[in-house]
Structure formats: structure tokens, C-alpha cells
Amino acid sequence: MEVNEMTYDFWIMASILELVEYPDETNDDYIPHPTFQEIMDVLDIQVPIKEIYERFFDQSIHTGDVLVFTNKHLPHACIVLDTYRDPLDQQDLIQFGWRVTVKDVRIIKQLSRELYDHCDFSIRYEEGQSILYEVLQKECYPRKYYYETVYEQQIKQYLV
């Protein structure tokens, strides 16, 4: 990342269930949460949330990588999902957030607060410069998580 490009980060810990919405309670069809969809639209980064959501529930506990989706035309903007499943978690928590350029801060700040404030299971909300610095450092991986065995979390990057 170029040093002269000012960015602003948002980082949330909440249930992965908060990123999708079930419009009809009588069936299992779901869509990306409308506010999350707005964030993806503003950043012009479409995350395959259905695939991530289903893979999250199919993966074993004590596994899950950090997924980074970057706009190939705006390399300073990205959406990050840390899909690690903590063995002791009973609320399907993940950490997720976005890095935006200064021009998008106002609208993304409003949408991020809206998404967080409407979460049923929300734990933490952070925003500011360099919040995602450590999460995005490739040299910090693999990250080791210890529970009966060691899990080495990877970072996976996608240009979209």
C-alpha cells in the first residue's frame, strides 16, 4: 500500500449471522444483509458471502482463515473476514471489517454503525486509522491458535 493514500478502517466482532438476512421465515433462502450489501456496493467489492457463510458452518471448529477481498481498481480498499471458529464460541462469532479511502469514510462510517447497531449478537466495534494493520500483515501468518491441537491460520487474498 502506498503511504500517501489515506485510509480508514472499520473492524467488528459479531455473529456471522449478522451478514445475511432471511427475508422469508418460512424457508431457508437468504441474501446478504442489505446494509452489508450497501457497503460492498460503495466499495465496489462483491464478497461471495453465501459461499463463505455456508463454508463457515461446514468447517470444523478451531479452523478458519482470514479472507481479504480487494478491489482490483482501488487497491487501497478491501473487505476482510476472519473466519476462525473458536472452539468455545457458541454464537458463531467472526471478525470482519473494511479499509476505505478517505472519500468513502463518511458513508461507510454511517453504514458500519447501522450494521453494528442492528446486530443481535455484537461484541466489538472499532474504527480509525491502522486498525487492520496487523490483520493485513502477511508476515504475521501463519497465526497459531492453540486448543487441543495447533491450528495455523492463513491469510487468503482475492482481487475482485
Protein backbone atom coordinates (compact mmCIF):
# COMPACT_ATOMS: atom_id res chain seq x y z
CA MET A 1 0.00 0.00 0.00
CA GLU A 2 1.30 3.43 -0.90
CA VAL A 3 1.98 5.58 2.13
CA ASN A 4 0.37 8.70 0.61
CA GLU A 5 -3.07 7.10 0.22
CA MET A 6 -5.04 7.88 3.38
CA THR A 7 -7.29 5.08 4.53
CA TYR A 8 -9.69 4.47 7.38
CA ASP A 9 -10.51 1.07 8.88
CA PHE A 10 -13.59 -0.49 10.46
CA TRP A 11 -13.42 -3.74 12.48
CA ILE A 12 -16.40 -5.53 14.01
CA MET A 13 -16.82 -8.70 16.04
CA ALA A 14 -20.31 -10.14 15.71
CA SER A 15 -22.08 -13.32 14.71
CA ILE A 16 -21.65 -14.34 11.08
CA LEU A 17 -25.46 -14.49 11.07
CA GLU A 18 -25.45 -10.67 11.02
CA LEU A 19 -24.04 -10.61 7.47
CA VAL A 20 -27.05 -12.35 5.95
CA GLU A 21 -30.79 -11.92 6.13
CA TYR A 22 -33.61 -14.41 5.77
CA PRO A 23 -36.37 -12.40 4.03
CA ASP A 24 -38.96 -15.17 4.40
CA GLU A 25 -39.01 -17.01 7.71
CA THR A 26 -40.83 -19.95 6.13
CA ASN A 27 -37.85 -21.07 4.02
CA ASP A 28 -34.07 -21.32 4.18
CA ASP A 29 -33.27 -18.86 1.38
CA TYR A 30 -31.11 -15.94 2.46
CA ILE A 31 -29.46 -12.89 0.96
CA PRO A 32 -26.57 -10.67 2.02
CA HIS A 33 -27.73 -8.29 4.76
CA PRO A 34 -28.96 -5.14 2.96
CA THR A 35 -26.57 -2.85 4.88
CA PHE A 36 -23.63 -5.18 4.22
CA GLN A 37 -24.68 -5.21 0.55
CA GLU A 38 -24.62 -1.38 0.55
CA ILE A 39 -21.08 -1.42 1.97
CA MET A 40 -20.00 -3.87 -0.74
CA ASP A 41 -21.64 -1.65 -3.38
CA VAL A 42 -19.94 1.55 -2.16
CA LEU A 43 -16.54 -0.19 -2.10
CA ASP A 44 -17.29 -1.97 -5.40
CA ILE A 45 -16.21 -5.25 -3.79
CA GLN A 46 -18.65 -8.13 -4.03
CA VAL A 47 -17.80 -10.76 -1.43
CA PRO A 48 -19.21 -14.26 -2.06
CA ILE A 49 -20.96 -14.15 1.31
CA LYS A 50 -23.24 -17.13 0.63
CA GLU A 51 -20.23 -19.35 -0.07
CA ILE A 52 -18.35 -18.02 2.96
CA TYR A 53 -21.41 -18.39 5.20
CA GLU A 54 -22.02 -22.00 4.16
CA ARG A 55 -18.33 -22.92 4.36
CA PHE A 56 -18.18 -21.40 7.86
CA PHE A 57 -20.83 -23.79 9.16
CA ASP A 58 -19.31 -26.75 7.30
CA GLN A 59 -15.77 -26.20 8.62
CA SER A 60 -14.59 -27.75 11.85
CA ILE A 61 -14.23 -25.69 14.97
CA HIS A 62 -10.66 -24.49 15.60
CA THR A 63 -10.20 -23.72 11.87
CA GLY A 64 -10.83 -20.74 9.59
CA ASP A 65 -8.66 -18.34 7.63
CA VAL A 66 -8.54 -14.60 7.13
CA LEU A 67 -10.14 -13.74 3.77
CA VAL A 68 -9.23 -10.43 2.14
CA PHE A 69 -11.19 -9.17 -0.86
CA THR A 70 -9.56 -6.23 -2.64
CA ASN A 71 -10.97 -4.08 -5.40
CA LYS A 72 -8.55 -4.55 -8.30
CA HIS A 73 -9.17 -0.95 -9.42
CA LEU A 74 -8.84 0.53 -5.92
CA PRO A 75 -6.09 -1.48 -4.18
CA HIS A 76 -6.44 0.60 -1.01
CA ALA A 77 -9.99 -0.61 -0.39
CA CYS A 78 -10.72 -4.09 0.94
CA ILE A 79 -13.18 -6.20 2.91
CA VAL A 80 -11.71 -8.59 5.49
CA LEU A 81 -13.35 -11.58 7.18
CA ASP A 82 -11.58 -13.56 9.89
CA THR A 83 -13.47 -16.86 9.77
CA TYR A 84 -11.67 -18.61 12.64
CA ARG A 85 -14.16 -20.69 14.67
CA ASP A 86 -13.23 -20.54 18.32
CA PRO A 87 -13.93 -23.90 20.00
CA LEU A 88 -15.56 -22.20 22.99
CA ASP A 89 -17.76 -19.80 20.98
CA GLN A 90 -21.48 -20.54 20.97
CA GLN A 91 -22.63 -17.51 18.96
CA ASP A 92 -20.81 -18.18 15.66
CA LEU A 93 -18.67 -15.08 16.07
CA ILE A 94 -16.30 -13.80 13.42
CA GLN A 95 -14.37 -10.60 12.99
CA PHE A 96 -14.96 -8.59 9.84
CA GLY A 97 -14.33 -5.14 8.53
CA TRP A 98 -13.19 -2.93 5.72
CA ARG A 99 -10.49 -0.50 4.75
CA VAL A 100 -11.73 2.51 2.78
CA THR A 101 -10.18 5.53 1.14
CA VAL A 102 -10.91 8.93 2.65
CA LYS A 103 -13.54 9.78 0.01
CA ASP A 104 -15.79 6.93 1.29
CA VAL A 105 -15.31 7.39 5.05
CA ARG A 106 -18.49 9.33 5.74
CA ILE A 107 -20.93 6.96 4.04
CA ILE A 108 -19.11 3.80 5.20
CA LYS A 109 -18.98 5.08 8.79
CA GLN A 110 -22.75 5.58 8.74
CA LEU A 111 -23.38 2.14 7.18
CA SER A 112 -20.92 0.39 9.55
CA ARG A 113 -22.62 1.86 12.63
CA GLU A 114 -26.02 0.97 11.21
CA LEU A 115 -24.96 -2.64 10.63
CA TYR A 116 -23.36 -2.94 14.09
CA ASP A 117 -26.20 -1.21 15.96
CA HIS A 118 -28.73 -3.64 14.48
CA CYS A 119 -26.76 -6.77 15.37
CA ASP A 120 -28.40 -9.21 17.80
CA PHE A 121 -25.00 -10.64 18.81
CA SER A 122 -22.42 -7.88 18.63
CA ILE A 123 -19.26 -7.82 20.71
CA ARG A 124 -16.93 -5.08 19.47
CA TYR A 125 -16.80 -2.12 17.08
CA GLU A 126 -13.60 -0.27 16.21
CA GLU A 127 -12.82 2.38 13.65
CA GLY A 128 -9.80 4.51 12.90
CA GLN A 129 -6.54 4.52 11.04
CA SER A 130 -4.40 1.38 11.05
CA ILE A 131 -6.98 -0.78 12.91
CA LEU A 132 -6.43 -3.51 10.29
CA TYR A 133 -2.67 -3.03 10.07
CA GLU A 134 -1.71 -6.20 11.94
CA VAL A 135 -4.51 -8.32 10.45
CA LEU A 136 -3.32 -7.48 6.92
CA GLN A 137 0.42 -8.07 7.52
CA LYS A 138 1.32 -11.19 5.52
CA GLU A 139 4.40 -11.76 7.67
CA CYS A 140 2.11 -12.33 10.70
CA TYR A 141 0.91 -15.58 9.12
CA PRO A 142 0.51 -18.36 9.75
CA ARG A 143 -1.02 -17.34 13.06
CA LYS A 144 -1.02 -20.10 15.63
CA TYR A 145 -4.15 -20.89 17.62
CA TYR A 146 -3.85 -23.38 20.46
CA TYR A 147 -6.65 -25.63 21.61
CA GLU A 148 -6.17 -29.42 21.92
CA THR A 149 -4.04 -29.10 18.75
CA VAL A 150 -2.32 -26.22 16.97
CA TYR A 151 -4.12 -24.55 14.07
CA GLU A 152 -2.09 -22.40 11.71
CA GLN A 153 -4.38 -19.73 10.29
CA GLN A 154 -3.55 -18.43 6.80
CA ILE A 155 -4.38 -15.18 5.04
CA LYS A 156 -6.02 -15.59 1.63
CA GLN A 157 -6.27 -12.65 -0.73
CA TYR A 158 -8.65 -12.23 -3.65
CA LEU A 159 -8.79 -9.48 -6.29
CA VAL A 160 -12.38 -8.79 -7.30
